[in-house]
Amino acid sequence: VQLVESGGGLVQAGGSLRLSCAAS
C-alpha cells in the first residue's frame, strides 16, 4: 500500500488549494 500526497504550499488567507493523494 502506498499513499502519496501532493498539492500543499503557502497561500494567503481566503485562498484555495487542492490536495491530491495517489493510492496504489
mmCIF file of all heavy atoms, coordinates in Angstrom:
data_MODEL
# 
_entry.id   MODEL 
# 
loop_
_atom_site.group_PDB 
_atom_site.id 
_atom_site.type_symbol 
_atom_site.label_atom_id 
_atom_site.label_alt_id 
_atom_site.label_comp_id 
_atom_site.label_asym_id 
_atom_site.label_entity_id 
_atom_site.label_seq_id 
_atom_site.pdbx_PDB_ins_code 
_atom_site.Cartn_x 
_atom_site.Cartn_y 
_atom_site.Cartn_z 
_atom_site.occupancy 
_atom_site.B_iso_or_equiv 
_atom_site.pdbx_formal_charge 
_atom_site.auth_seq_id 
_atom_site.auth_comp_id 
_atom_site.auth_asym_id 
_atom_site.auth_atom_id 
_atom_site.pdbx_PDB_model_num 
ATOM 1   N N   . VAL A 1 1  ? 0.836  -1.194 0.000  1.00 0.00 ? 1  VAL A N   1 
ATOM 2   C CA  . VAL A 1 1  ? 0.000  0.000  0.000  1.00 0.00 ? 1  VAL A CA  1 
ATOM 3   C C   . VAL A 1 1  ? 0.876  1.251  0.000  1.00 0.00 ? 1  VAL A C   1 
ATOM 4   O O   . VAL A 1 1  ? 1.822  1.367  0.778  1.00 0.00 ? 1  VAL A O   1 
ATOM 5   C CB  . VAL A 1 1  ? -0.923 0.015  1.228  1.00 0.00 ? 1  VAL A CB  1 
ATOM 6   C CG1 . VAL A 1 1  ? -1.688 1.327  1.319  1.00 0.00 ? 1  VAL A CG1 1 
ATOM 7   C CG2 . VAL A 1 1  ? -1.895 -1.168 1.188  1.00 0.00 ? 1  VAL A CG2 1 
ATOM 8   N N   . GLN A 1 2  ? 0.557  2.154  -0.919 1.00 0.00 ? 2  GLN A N   1 
ATOM 9   C CA  . GLN A 1 2  ? 1.246  3.442  -0.955 1.00 0.00 ? 2  GLN A CA  1 
ATOM 10  C C   . GLN A 1 2  ? 0.234  4.557  -1.113 1.00 0.00 ? 2  GLN A C   1 
ATOM 11  O O   . GLN A 1 2  ? -0.704 4.447  -1.918 1.00 0.00 ? 2  GLN A O   1 
ATOM 12  C CB  . GLN A 1 2  ? 2.245  3.495  -2.110 1.00 0.00 ? 2  GLN A CB  1 
ATOM 13  C CG  . GLN A 1 2  ? 3.542  2.773  -1.839 1.00 0.00 ? 2  GLN A CG  1 
ATOM 14  C CD  . GLN A 1 2  ? 4.628  3.149  -2.828 1.00 0.00 ? 2  GLN A CD  1 
ATOM 15  O OE1 . GLN A 1 2  ? 4.394  3.172  -4.016 1.00 0.00 ? 2  GLN A OE1 1 
ATOM 16  N NE2 . GLN A 1 2  ? 5.809  3.449  -2.316 1.00 0.00 ? 2  GLN A NE2 1 
ATOM 17  N N   . LEU A 1 3  ? 0.437  5.621  -0.357 1.00 0.00 ? 3  LEU A N   1 
ATOM 18  C CA  . LEU A 1 3  ? -0.374 6.834  -0.454 1.00 0.00 ? 3  LEU A CA  1 
ATOM 19  C C   . LEU A 1 3  ? 0.595  7.998  -0.595 1.00 0.00 ? 3  LEU A C   1 
ATOM 20  O O   . LEU A 1 3  ? 1.452  8.201  0.276  1.00 0.00 ? 3  LEU A O   1 
ATOM 21  C CB  . LEU A 1 3  ? -1.233 7.006  0.799  1.00 0.00 ? 3  LEU A CB  1 
ATOM 22  C CG  . LEU A 1 3  ? -2.213 5.876  1.120  1.00 0.00 ? 3  LEU A CG  1 
ATOM 23  C CD1 . LEU A 1 3  ? -2.833 6.085  2.489  1.00 0.00 ? 3  LEU A CD1 1 
ATOM 24  C CD2 . LEU A 1 3  ? -3.285 5.774  0.056  1.00 0.00 ? 3  LEU A CD2 1 
ATOM 25  N N   . VAL A 1 4  ? 0.475  8.743  -1.677 1.00 0.00 ? 4  VAL A N   1 
ATOM 26  C CA  . VAL A 1 4  ? 1.405  9.830  -1.953 1.00 0.00 ? 4  VAL A CA  1 
ATOM 27  C C   . VAL A 1 4  ? 0.624  11.127 -2.121 1.00 0.00 ? 4  VAL A C   1 
ATOM 28  O O   . VAL A 1 4  ? -0.122 11.289 -3.092 1.00 0.00 ? 4  VAL A O   1 
ATOM 29  C CB  . VAL A 1 4  ? 2.243  9.538  -3.206 1.00 0.00 ? 4  VAL A CB  1 
ATOM 30  C CG1 . VAL A 1 4  ? 3.207  10.692 -3.461 1.00 0.00 ? 4  VAL A CG1 1 
ATOM 31  C CG2 . VAL A 1 4  ? 3.004  8.226  -3.055 1.00 0.00 ? 4  VAL A CG2 1 
ATOM 32  N N   . GLU A 1 5  ? 0.802  12.037 -1.165 1.00 0.00 ? 5  GLU A N   1 
ATOM 33  C CA  . GLU A 1 5  ? 0.119  13.319 -1.207 1.00 0.00 ? 5  GLU A CA  1 
ATOM 34  C C   . GLU A 1 5  ? 0.915  14.350 -1.996 1.00 0.00 ? 5  GLU A C   1 
ATOM 35  O O   . GLU A 1 5  ? 2.144  14.291 -2.067 1.00 0.00 ? 5  GLU A O   1 
ATOM 36  C CB  . GLU A 1 5  ? -0.110 13.877 0.204  1.00 0.00 ? 5  GLU A CB  1 
ATOM 37  C CG  . GLU A 1 5  ? -0.902 12.997 1.136  1.00 0.00 ? 5  GLU A CG  1 
ATOM 38  C CD  . GLU A 1 5  ? -0.029 12.193 2.068  1.00 0.00 ? 5  GLU A CD  1 
ATOM 39  O OE1 . GLU A 1 5  ? 1.152  11.933 1.699  1.00 0.00 ? 5  GLU A OE1 1 
ATOM 40  O OE2 . GLU A 1 5  ? -0.485 11.825 3.171  1.00 0.00 ? 5  GLU A OE2 1 
ATOM 41  N N   . SER A 1 6  ? 0.182  15.304 -2.551 1.00 0.00 ? 6  SER A N   1 
ATOM 42  C CA  . SER A 1 6  ? 0.799  16.441 -3.227 1.00 0.00 ? 6  SER A CA  1 
ATOM 43  C C   . SER A 1 6  ? -0.179 17.606 -3.211 1.00 0.00 ? 6  SER A C   1 
ATOM 44  O O   . SER A 1 6  ? -1.367 17.424 -2.885 1.00 0.00 ? 6  SER A O   1 
ATOM 45  C CB  . SER A 1 6  ? 1.178  16.091 -4.670 1.00 0.00 ? 6  SER A CB  1 
ATOM 46  O OG  . SER A 1 6  ? 0.022  15.725 -5.404 1.00 0.00 ? 6  SER A OG  1 
ATOM 47  N N   . GLY A 1 7  ? 0.328  18.781 -3.549 1.00 0.00 ? 7  GLY A N   1 
ATOM 48  C CA  . GLY A 1 7  ? -0.534 19.944 -3.692 1.00 0.00 ? 7  GLY A CA  1 
ATOM 49  C C   . GLY A 1 7  ? -0.482 20.962 -2.569 1.00 0.00 ? 7  GLY A C   1 
ATOM 50  O O   . GLY A 1 7  ? -1.129 22.000 -2.641 1.00 0.00 ? 7  GLY A O   1 
ATOM 51  N N   . GLY A 1 8  ? 0.276  20.661 -1.524 1.00 0.00 ? 8  GLY A N   1 
ATOM 52  C CA  . GLY A 1 8  ? 0.387  21.633 -0.438 1.00 0.00 ? 8  GLY A CA  1 
ATOM 53  C C   . GLY A 1 8  ? 1.212  22.840 -0.853 1.00 0.00 ? 8  GLY A C   1 
ATOM 54  O O   . GLY A 1 8  ? 1.782  22.890 -1.938 1.00 0.00 ? 8  GLY A O   1 
ATOM 55  N N   . GLY A 1 9  ? 1.244  23.829 0.026  1.00 0.00 ? 9  GLY A N   1 
ATOM 56  C CA  . GLY A 1 9  ? 2.016  25.021 -0.265 1.00 0.00 ? 9  GLY A CA  1 
ATOM 57  C C   . GLY A 1 9  ? 1.647  26.162 0.649  1.00 0.00 ? 9  GLY A C   1 
ATOM 58  O O   . GLY A 1 9  ? 0.959  25.976 1.661  1.00 0.00 ? 9  GLY A O   1 
ATOM 59  N N   . LEU A 1 10 ? 2.114  27.340 0.274  1.00 0.00 ? 10 LEU A N   1 
ATOM 60  C CA  . LEU A 1 10 ? 1.852  28.571 1.027  1.00 0.00 ? 10 LEU A CA  1 
ATOM 61  C C   . LEU A 1 10 ? 0.786  29.368 0.290  1.00 0.00 ? 10 LEU A C   1 
ATOM 62  O O   . LEU A 1 10 ? 0.913  29.601 -0.921 1.00 0.00 ? 10 LEU A O   1 
ATOM 63  C CB  . LEU A 1 10 ? 3.139  29.382 1.158  1.00 0.00 ? 10 LEU A CB  1 
ATOM 64  C CG  . LEU A 1 10 ? 3.034  30.776 1.772  1.00 0.00 ? 10 LEU A CG  1 
ATOM 65  C CD1 . LEU A 1 10 ? 2.567  30.681 3.221  1.00 0.00 ? 10 LEU A CD1 1 
ATOM 66  C CD2 . LEU A 1 10 ? 4.368  31.496 1.669  1.00 0.00 ? 10 LEU A CD2 1 
ATOM 67  N N   . VAL A 1 11 ? -0.234 29.795 1.014  1.00 0.00 ? 11 VAL A N   1 
ATOM 68  C CA  . VAL A 1 11 ? -1.323 30.553 0.409  1.00 0.00 ? 11 VAL A CA  1 
ATOM 69  C C   . VAL A 1 11 ? -1.793 31.609 1.396  1.00 0.00 ? 11 VAL A C   1 
ATOM 70  O O   . VAL A 1 11 ? -1.670 31.429 2.617  1.00 0.00 ? 11 VAL A O   1 
ATOM 71  C CB  . VAL A 1 11 ? -2.481 29.606 0.010  1.00 0.00 ? 11 VAL A CB  1 
ATOM 72  C CG1 . VAL A 1 11 ? -3.101 28.940 1.222  1.00 0.00 ? 11 VAL A CG1 1 
ATOM 73  C CG2 . VAL A 1 11 ? -3.528 30.318 -0.822 1.00 0.00 ? 11 VAL A CG2 1 
ATOM 74  N N   . GLN A 1 12 ? -2.295 32.707 0.869  1.00 0.00 ? 12 GLN A N   1 
ATOM 75  C CA  . GLN A 1 12 ? -2.836 33.757 1.739  1.00 0.00 ? 12 GLN A CA  1 
ATOM 76  C C   . GLN A 1 12 ? -4.227 33.371 2.235  1.00 0.00 ? 12 GLN A C   1 
ATOM 77  O O   . GLN A 1 12 ? -4.949 32.601 1.571  1.00 0.00 ? 12 GLN A O   1 
ATOM 78  C CB  . GLN A 1 12 ? -2.901 35.080 0.985  1.00 0.00 ? 12 GLN A CB  1 
ATOM 79  C CG  . GLN A 1 12 ? -1.547 35.722 0.751  1.00 0.00 ? 12 GLN A CG  1 
ATOM 80  C CD  . GLN A 1 12 ? -1.666 37.138 0.209  1.00 0.00 ? 12 GLN A CD  1 
ATOM 81  O OE1 . GLN A 1 12 ? -2.620 37.462 -0.485 1.00 0.00 ? 12 GLN A OE1 1 
ATOM 82  N NE2 . GLN A 1 12 ? -0.691 37.982 0.544  1.00 0.00 ? 12 GLN A NE2 1 
ATOM 83  N N   . ALA A 1 13 ? -4.596 33.920 3.363  1.00 0.00 ? 13 ALA A N   1 
ATOM 84  C CA  . ALA A 1 13 ? -5.944 33.700 3.885  1.00 0.00 ? 13 ALA A CA  1 
ATOM 85  C C   . ALA A 1 13 ? -6.982 34.078 2.834  1.00 0.00 ? 13 ALA A C   1 
ATOM 86  O O   . ALA A 1 13 ? -6.835 35.088 2.142  1.00 0.00 ? 13 ALA A O   1 
ATOM 87  C CB  . ALA A 1 13 ? -6.150 34.517 5.159  1.00 0.00 ? 13 ALA A CB  1 
ATOM 88  N N   . GLY A 1 14 ? -8.000 33.231 2.716  1.00 0.00 ? 14 GLY A N   1 
ATOM 89  C CA  . GLY A 1 14 ? -9.020 33.433 1.702  1.00 0.00 ? 14 GLY A CA  1 
ATOM 90  C C   . GLY A 1 14 ? -8.748 32.701 0.400  1.00 0.00 ? 14 GLY A C   1 
ATOM 91  O O   . GLY A 1 14 ? -9.632 32.620 -0.462 1.00 0.00 ? 14 GLY A O   1 
ATOM 92  N N   . GLY A 1 15 ? -7.539 32.197 0.253  1.00 0.00 ? 15 GLY A N   1 
ATOM 93  C CA  . GLY A 1 15 ? -7.162 31.498 -0.963 1.00 0.00 ? 15 GLY A CA  1 
ATOM 94  C C   . GLY A 1 15 ? -7.608 30.045 -0.977 1.00 0.00 ? 15 GLY A C   1 
ATOM 95  O O   . GLY A 1 15 ? -8.300 29.578 -0.066 1.00 0.00 ? 15 GLY A O   1 
ATOM 96  N N   . SER A 1 16 ? -7.180 29.354 -2.034 1.00 0.00 ? 16 SER A N   1 
ATOM 97  C CA  . SER A 1 16 ? -7.577 27.958 -2.245 1.00 0.00 ? 16 SER A CA  1 
ATOM 98  C C   . SER A 1 16 ? -6.379 27.095 -2.573 1.00 0.00 ? 16 SER A C   1 
ATOM 99  O O   . SER A 1 16 ? -5.376 27.578 -3.134 1.00 0.00 ? 16 SER A O   1 
ATOM 100 C CB  . SER A 1 16 ? -8.588 27.862 -3.398 1.00 0.00 ? 16 SER A CB  1 
ATOM 101 O OG  . SER A 1 16 ? -9.766 28.579 -3.115 1.00 0.00 ? 16 SER A OG  1 
ATOM 102 N N   . LEU A 1 17 ? -6.489 25.829 -2.234 1.00 0.00 ? 17 LEU A N   1 
ATOM 103 C CA  . LEU A 1 17 ? -5.532 24.804 -2.633 1.00 0.00 ? 17 LEU A CA  1 
ATOM 104 C C   . LEU A 1 17 ? -6.289 23.514 -2.897 1.00 0.00 ? 17 LEU A C   1 
ATOM 105 O O   . LEU A 1 17 ? -7.357 23.284 -2.299 1.00 0.00 ? 17 LEU A O   1 
ATOM 106 C CB  . LEU A 1 17 ? -4.497 24.545 -1.527 1.00 0.00 ? 17 LEU A CB  1 
ATOM 107 C CG  . LEU A 1 17 ? -3.368 25.540 -1.309 1.00 0.00 ? 17 LEU A CG  1 
ATOM 108 C CD1 . LEU A 1 17 ? -2.564 25.149 -0.071 1.00 0.00 ? 17 LEU A CD1 1 
ATOM 109 C CD2 . LEU A 1 17 ? -2.453 25.612 -2.525 1.00 0.00 ? 17 LEU A CD2 1 
ATOM 110 N N   . ARG A 1 18 ? -5.733 22.674 -3.756 1.00 0.00 ? 18 ARG A N   1 
ATOM 111 C CA  . ARG A 1 18 ? -6.288 21.349 -3.951 1.00 0.00 ? 18 ARG A CA  1 
ATOM 112 C C   . ARG A 1 18 ? -5.212 20.311 -3.672 1.00 0.00 ? 18 ARG A C   1 
ATOM 113 O O   . ARG A 1 18 ? -4.174 20.300 -4.339 1.00 0.00 ? 18 ARG A O   1 
ATOM 114 C CB  . ARG A 1 18 ? -6.840 21.140 -5.358 1.00 0.00 ? 18 ARG A CB  1 
ATOM 115 C CG  . ARG A 1 18 ? -7.602 19.812 -5.466 1.00 0.00 ? 18 ARG A CG  1 
ATOM 116 C CD  . ARG A 1 18 ? -8.247 19.595 -6.822 1.00 0.00 ? 18 ARG A CD  1 
ATOM 117 N NE  . ARG A 1 18 ? -7.317 19.107 -7.808 1.00 0.00 ? 18 ARG A NE  1 
ATOM 118 C CZ  . ARG A 1 18 ? -7.664 18.385 -8.884 1.00 0.00 ? 18 ARG A CZ  1 
ATOM 119 N NH1 . ARG A 1 18 ? -8.933 18.090 -9.075 1.00 0.00 ? 18 ARG A NH1 1 
ATOM 120 N NH2 . ARG A 1 18 ? -6.755 18.009 -9.758 1.00 0.00 ? 18 ARG A NH2 1 
ATOM 121 N N   . LEU A 1 19 ? -5.474 19.471 -2.697 1.00 0.00 ? 19 LEU A N   1 
ATOM 122 C CA  . LEU A 1 19 ? -4.559 18.385 -2.371 1.00 0.00 ? 19 LEU A CA  1 
ATOM 123 C C   . LEU A 1 19 ? -4.965 17.131 -3.131 1.00 0.00 ? 19 LEU A C   1 
ATOM 124 O O   . LEU A 1 19 ? -6.152 16.888 -3.353 1.00 0.00 ? 19 LEU A O   1 
ATOM 125 C CB  . LEU A 1 19 ? -4.578 18.094 -0.874 1.00 0.00 ? 19 LEU A CB  1 
ATOM 126 C CG  . LEU A 1 19 ? -4.305 19.273 0.067  1.00 0.00 ? 19 LEU A CG  1 
ATOM 127 C CD1 . LEU A 1 19 ? -4.282 18.780 1.512  1.00 0.00 ? 19 LEU A CD1 1 
ATOM 128 C CD2 . LEU A 1 19 ? -3.014 19.974 -0.285 1.00 0.00 ? 19 LEU A CD2 1 
ATOM 129 N N   . SER A 1 20 ? -3.964 16.344 -3.498 1.00 0.00 ? 20 SER A N   1 
ATOM 130 C CA  . SER A 1 20 ? -4.197 15.070 -4.165 1.00 0.00 ? 20 SER A CA  1 
ATOM 131 C C   . SER A 1 20 ? -3.496 13.965 -3.395 1.00 0.00 ? 20 SER A C   1 
ATOM 132 O O   . SER A 1 20 ? -2.441 14.191 -2.793 1.00 0.00 ? 20 SER A O   1 
ATOM 133 C CB  . SER A 1 20 ? -3.654 15.092 -5.601 1.00 0.00 ? 20 SER A CB  1 
ATOM 134 O OG  . SER A 1 20 ? -4.274 16.094 -6.367 1.00 0.00 ? 20 SER A OG  1 
ATOM 135 N N   . CYS A 1 21 ? -4.082 12.785 -3.441 1.00 0.00 ? 21 CYS A N   1 
ATOM 136 C CA  . CYS A 1 21 ? -3.467 11.605 -2.823 1.00 0.00 ? 21 CYS A CA  1 
ATOM 137 C C   . CYS A 1 21 ? -3.582 10.455 -3.817 1.00 0.00 ? 21 CYS A C   1 
ATOM 138 O O   . CYS A 1 21 ? -4.690 9.968  -4.087 1.00 0.00 ? 21 CYS A O   1 
ATOM 139 C CB  . CYS A 1 21 ? -4.158 11.260 -1.525 1.00 0.00 ? 21 CYS A CB  1 
ATOM 140 S SG  . CYS A 1 21 ? -3.645 9.679  -0.806 1.00 0.00 ? 21 CYS A SG  1 
ATOM 141 N N   . ALA A 1 22 ? -2.444 10.053 -4.370 1.00 0.00 ? 22 ALA A N   1 
ATOM 142 C CA  . ALA A 1 22 ? -2.406 8.939  -5.308 1.00 0.00 ? 22 ALA A CA  1 
ATOM 143 C C   . ALA A 1 22 ? -2.226 7.640  -4.537 1.00 0.00 ? 22 ALA A C   1 
ATOM 144 O O   . ALA A 1 22 ? -1.274 7.505  -3.763 1.00 0.00 ? 22 ALA A O   1 
ATOM 145 C CB  . ALA A 1 22 ? -1.272 9.132  -6.298 1.00 0.00 ? 22 ALA A CB  1 
ATOM 146 N N   . ALA A 1 23 ? -3.138 6.706  -4.750 1.00 0.00 ? 23 ALA A N   1 
ATOM 147 C CA  . ALA A 1 23 ? -3.146 5.453  -3.997 1.00 0.00 ? 23 ALA A CA  1 
ATOM 148 C C   . ALA A 1 23 ? -2.754 4.284  -4.888 1.00 0.00 ? 23 ALA A C   1 
ATOM 149 O O   . ALA A 1 23 ? -3.089 4.263  -6.081 1.00 0.00 ? 23 ALA A O   1 
ATOM 150 C CB  . ALA A 1 23 ? -4.532 5.220  -3.415 1.00 0.00 ? 23 ALA A CB  1 
ATOM 151 N N   . SER A 1 24 ? -2.064 3.321  -4.314 1.00 0.00 ? 24 SER A N   1 
ATOM 152 C CA  . SER A 1 24 ? -1.701 2.106  -5.039 1.00 0.00 ? 24 SER A CA  1 
ATOM 153 C C   . SER A 1 24 ? -1.520 0.961  -4.058 1.00 0.00 ? 24 SER A C   1 
ATOM 154 O O   . SER A 1 24 ? -1.383 1.173  -2.854 1.00 0.00 ? 24 SER A O   1 
ATOM 155 C CB  . SER A 1 24 ? -0.418 2.323  -5.845 1.00 0.00 ? 24 SER A CB  1 
ATOM 156 O OG  . SER A 1 24 ? 0.658  2.639  -4.994 1.00 0.00 ? 24 SER A OG  1 
# 
